[in-house]
Amino acid sequence: MPDMSDTAPDFTLPRDGGETITLSGLRPGAVVLFFYPRDDTSGCTKEAVAFSALKDQFDAAGATVLGISKDSLASHEKFRDKHALSVPLLSDEDSETCEAYGVWAEKSMYGKKFFGIERSTFLIDGEGRIARVWRKVKVPGHAEEVLNAVKAL
């Protein structure tokens, strides 16, 4: 599980719209990776909408924001279109990237245990090192807090 000052695990994943994104190819810009459990659920929608609303400010601060879940590209595109999302959504269907970042975890709901994505955000600096980690994210105010961390880099 990577932590502060570790080099961020590199990946190449498909994104909505059909392209692929390679993390190391985004240097020397900062990157915000927000891992979320599922397209079009309440908390995930609020989080993606909040990051999309601040996209221009992230861009101005020199940071690329990427959302990652295990959902398919078709699901991502429906989610993007339904909520007018402007941040790229990456599909990690085999969960390799989720596992590399330590966000694929055992969860519990209504007494049932299952594996899923633990809502987490990673701020990666221009040299590819993890500058900040937020685990078990609470959505309200989170995108703003991440934007302030980007500006402080």
Protein backbone atom coordinates (compact mmCIF):
# COMPACT_ATOMS: atom_id res chain seq x y z
CA MET A 1 0.00 0.00 0.00
CA PRO A 2 1.77 3.19 -1.15
CA ASP A 3 2.05 6.08 1.25
CA MET A 4 3.41 9.62 1.40
CA SER A 5 6.65 10.22 -0.53
CA ASP A 6 6.50 6.78 -2.18
CA THR A 7 6.59 6.77 -5.95
CA ALA A 8 3.02 6.39 -7.18
CA PRO A 9 2.42 3.02 -8.88
CA ASP A 10 2.31 3.66 -12.64
CA PHE A 11 -0.61 2.42 -14.72
CA THR A 12 -2.19 2.64 -18.15
CA LEU A 13 -5.99 2.47 -18.11
CA PRO A 14 -8.79 3.08 -20.62
CA ARG A 15 -10.93 6.16 -20.06
CA ASP A 16 -14.39 7.26 -21.08
CA GLY A 17 -14.29 8.39 -24.70
CA GLY A 18 -11.98 5.56 -25.74
CA GLU A 19 -8.43 6.83 -25.10
CA THR A 20 -5.97 5.42 -22.58
CA ILE A 21 -4.14 7.37 -19.90
CA THR A 22 -0.72 6.49 -18.50
CA LEU A 23 0.02 8.09 -15.15
CA SER A 24 3.75 8.70 -15.80
CA GLY A 25 2.84 10.41 -19.09
CA LEU A 26 1.15 13.25 -17.17
CA ARG A 27 4.40 14.48 -15.57
CA PRO A 28 5.52 17.11 -14.72
CA GLY A 29 1.94 18.05 -13.81
CA ALA A 30 0.39 17.07 -10.50
CA VAL A 31 -2.31 14.37 -10.59
CA VAL A 32 -5.30 13.81 -8.33
CA LEU A 33 -6.56 10.21 -8.38
CA PHE A 34 -9.90 9.69 -6.73
CA PHE A 35 -10.93 6.06 -6.36
CA TYR A 36 -14.67 5.59 -5.93
CA PRO A 37 -16.84 2.48 -5.44
CA ARG A 38 -19.46 2.71 -8.19
CA ASP A 39 -20.86 4.86 -10.99
CA ASP A 40 -24.17 6.62 -10.39
CA THR A 41 -24.52 5.93 -6.68
CA SER A 42 -25.27 8.81 -4.34
CA GLY A 43 -21.86 9.48 -2.74
CA CYS A 44 -19.91 8.72 -5.91
CA THR A 45 -22.11 11.05 -7.95
CA LYS A 46 -21.66 13.88 -5.43
CA GLU A 47 -17.89 13.36 -5.42
CA ALA A 48 -17.55 13.27 -9.23
CA VAL A 49 -19.82 16.32 -9.61
CA ALA A 50 -17.75 18.24 -7.01
CA PHE A 51 -14.45 17.45 -8.77
CA SER A 52 -16.02 18.37 -12.14
CA ALA A 53 -17.29 21.70 -10.74
CA LEU A 54 -13.72 22.57 -9.69
CA LYS A 55 -12.00 21.19 -12.82
CA ASP A 56 -11.08 24.66 -14.17
CA GLN A 57 -9.43 25.53 -10.84
CA PHE A 58 -7.51 22.22 -10.79
CA ASP A 59 -6.42 22.89 -14.39
CA ALA A 60 -5.29 26.42 -13.46
CA ALA A 61 -3.27 24.94 -10.56
CA GLY A 62 -1.56 22.54 -13.01
CA ALA A 63 -3.27 19.35 -11.83
CA THR A 64 -5.10 16.63 -13.75
CA VAL A 65 -8.03 15.02 -11.90
CA LEU A 66 -8.84 11.37 -12.69
CA GLY A 67 -11.66 9.24 -11.28
CA ILE A 68 -11.06 5.47 -11.09
CA SER A 69 -13.49 2.63 -10.41
CA LYS A 70 -13.98 -0.97 -11.58
CA ASP A 71 -17.01 0.01 -13.69
CA SER A 72 -16.91 -0.60 -17.45
CA LEU A 73 -16.28 2.17 -19.98
CA ALA A 74 -19.93 1.93 -21.08
CA SER A 75 -21.01 2.53 -17.47
CA HIS A 76 -18.58 5.46 -17.15
CA GLU A 77 -19.92 7.07 -20.31
CA LYS A 78 -23.53 6.81 -19.11
CA PHE A 79 -22.49 8.23 -15.72
CA ARG A 80 -20.53 11.08 -17.38
CA ASP A 81 -23.38 12.00 -19.72
CA LYS A 82 -26.13 11.77 -17.09
CA HIS A 83 -24.31 14.15 -14.69
CA ALA A 84 -22.33 16.29 -17.21
CA LEU A 85 -19.03 15.21 -15.65
CA SER A 86 -15.89 16.87 -16.99
CA VAL A 87 -13.17 14.83 -15.26
CA PRO A 88 -11.88 11.71 -17.04
CA LEU A 89 -13.17 8.41 -15.63
CA LEU A 90 -10.80 5.44 -15.86
CA SER A 91 -11.90 1.81 -15.86
CA ASP A 92 -9.91 -0.64 -13.72
CA GLU A 93 -12.05 -3.71 -14.37
CA ASP A 94 -9.33 -6.19 -13.32
CA SER A 95 -8.66 -4.10 -10.14
CA GLU A 96 -4.85 -4.19 -10.63
CA THR A 97 -4.54 -0.43 -10.09
CA CYS A 98 -6.96 -0.50 -7.13
CA GLU A 99 -4.85 -3.24 -5.56
CA ALA A 100 -1.58 -1.40 -6.28
CA TYR A 101 -2.94 1.64 -4.39
CA GLY A 102 -4.35 -0.47 -1.54
CA VAL A 103 -7.95 0.68 -2.04
CA TRP A 104 -9.43 -2.76 -2.86
CA ALA A 105 -10.53 -3.72 0.64
CA GLU A 106 -12.95 -5.81 2.63
CA LYS A 107 -16.03 -3.79 3.47
CA SER A 108 -19.15 -4.48 5.48
CA MET A 109 -22.72 -3.37 4.88
CA TYR A 110 -25.81 -4.57 6.77
CA GLY A 111 -23.71 -7.29 8.39
CA LYS A 112 -22.47 -8.70 5.07
CA LYS A 113 -18.77 -8.67 4.23
CA PHE A 114 -17.61 -8.11 0.66
CA PHE A 115 -14.69 -6.64 -1.28
CA GLY A 116 -14.95 -3.24 -2.88
CA ILE A 117 -13.19 0.05 -3.45
CA GLU A 118 -12.58 2.10 -0.32
CA ARG A 119 -13.19 5.73 -1.31
CA SER A 120 -9.68 7.21 -1.36
CA THR A 121 -7.82 10.08 -3.01
CA PHE A 122 -4.13 10.39 -3.85
CA LEU A 123 -2.32 13.62 -4.72
CA ILE A 124 0.75 12.89 -6.86
CA ASP A 125 3.37 15.59 -7.37
CA GLY A 126 5.14 16.47 -10.63
CA GLU A 127 7.93 13.97 -9.92
CA GLY A 128 5.48 11.11 -9.52
CA ARG A 129 5.65 10.91 -5.73
CA ILE A 130 2.61 10.65 -3.48
CA ALA A 131 2.28 14.03 -1.78
CA ARG A 132 -0.93 13.38 0.16
CA VAL A 133 -3.37 10.52 0.81
CA TRP A 134 -6.99 10.67 1.95
CA ARG A 135 -8.53 7.32 2.95
CA LYS A 136 -12.16 6.56 3.86
CA VAL A 137 -13.12 9.89 2.30
CA LYS A 138 -16.23 11.74 3.40
CA VAL A 139 -17.53 13.52 0.29
CA PRO A 140 -18.77 16.93 1.60
CA GLY A 141 -15.96 19.48 1.17
CA HIS A 142 -13.48 16.86 -0.03
CA ALA A 143 -12.86 18.24 -3.56
CA GLU A 144 -12.21 21.70 -2.08
CA GLU A 145 -9.77 20.26 0.47
CA VAL A 146 -7.89 18.44 -2.32
CA LEU A 147 -7.78 21.63 -4.42
CA ASN A 148 -6.22 23.51 -1.47
CA ALA A 149 -3.60 20.73 -1.15
CA VAL A 150 -2.80 21.02 -4.88
CA LYS A 151 -2.33 24.78 -4.53
CA ALA A 152 0.01 24.20 -1.56
CA LEU A 153 2.32 21.87 -3.55
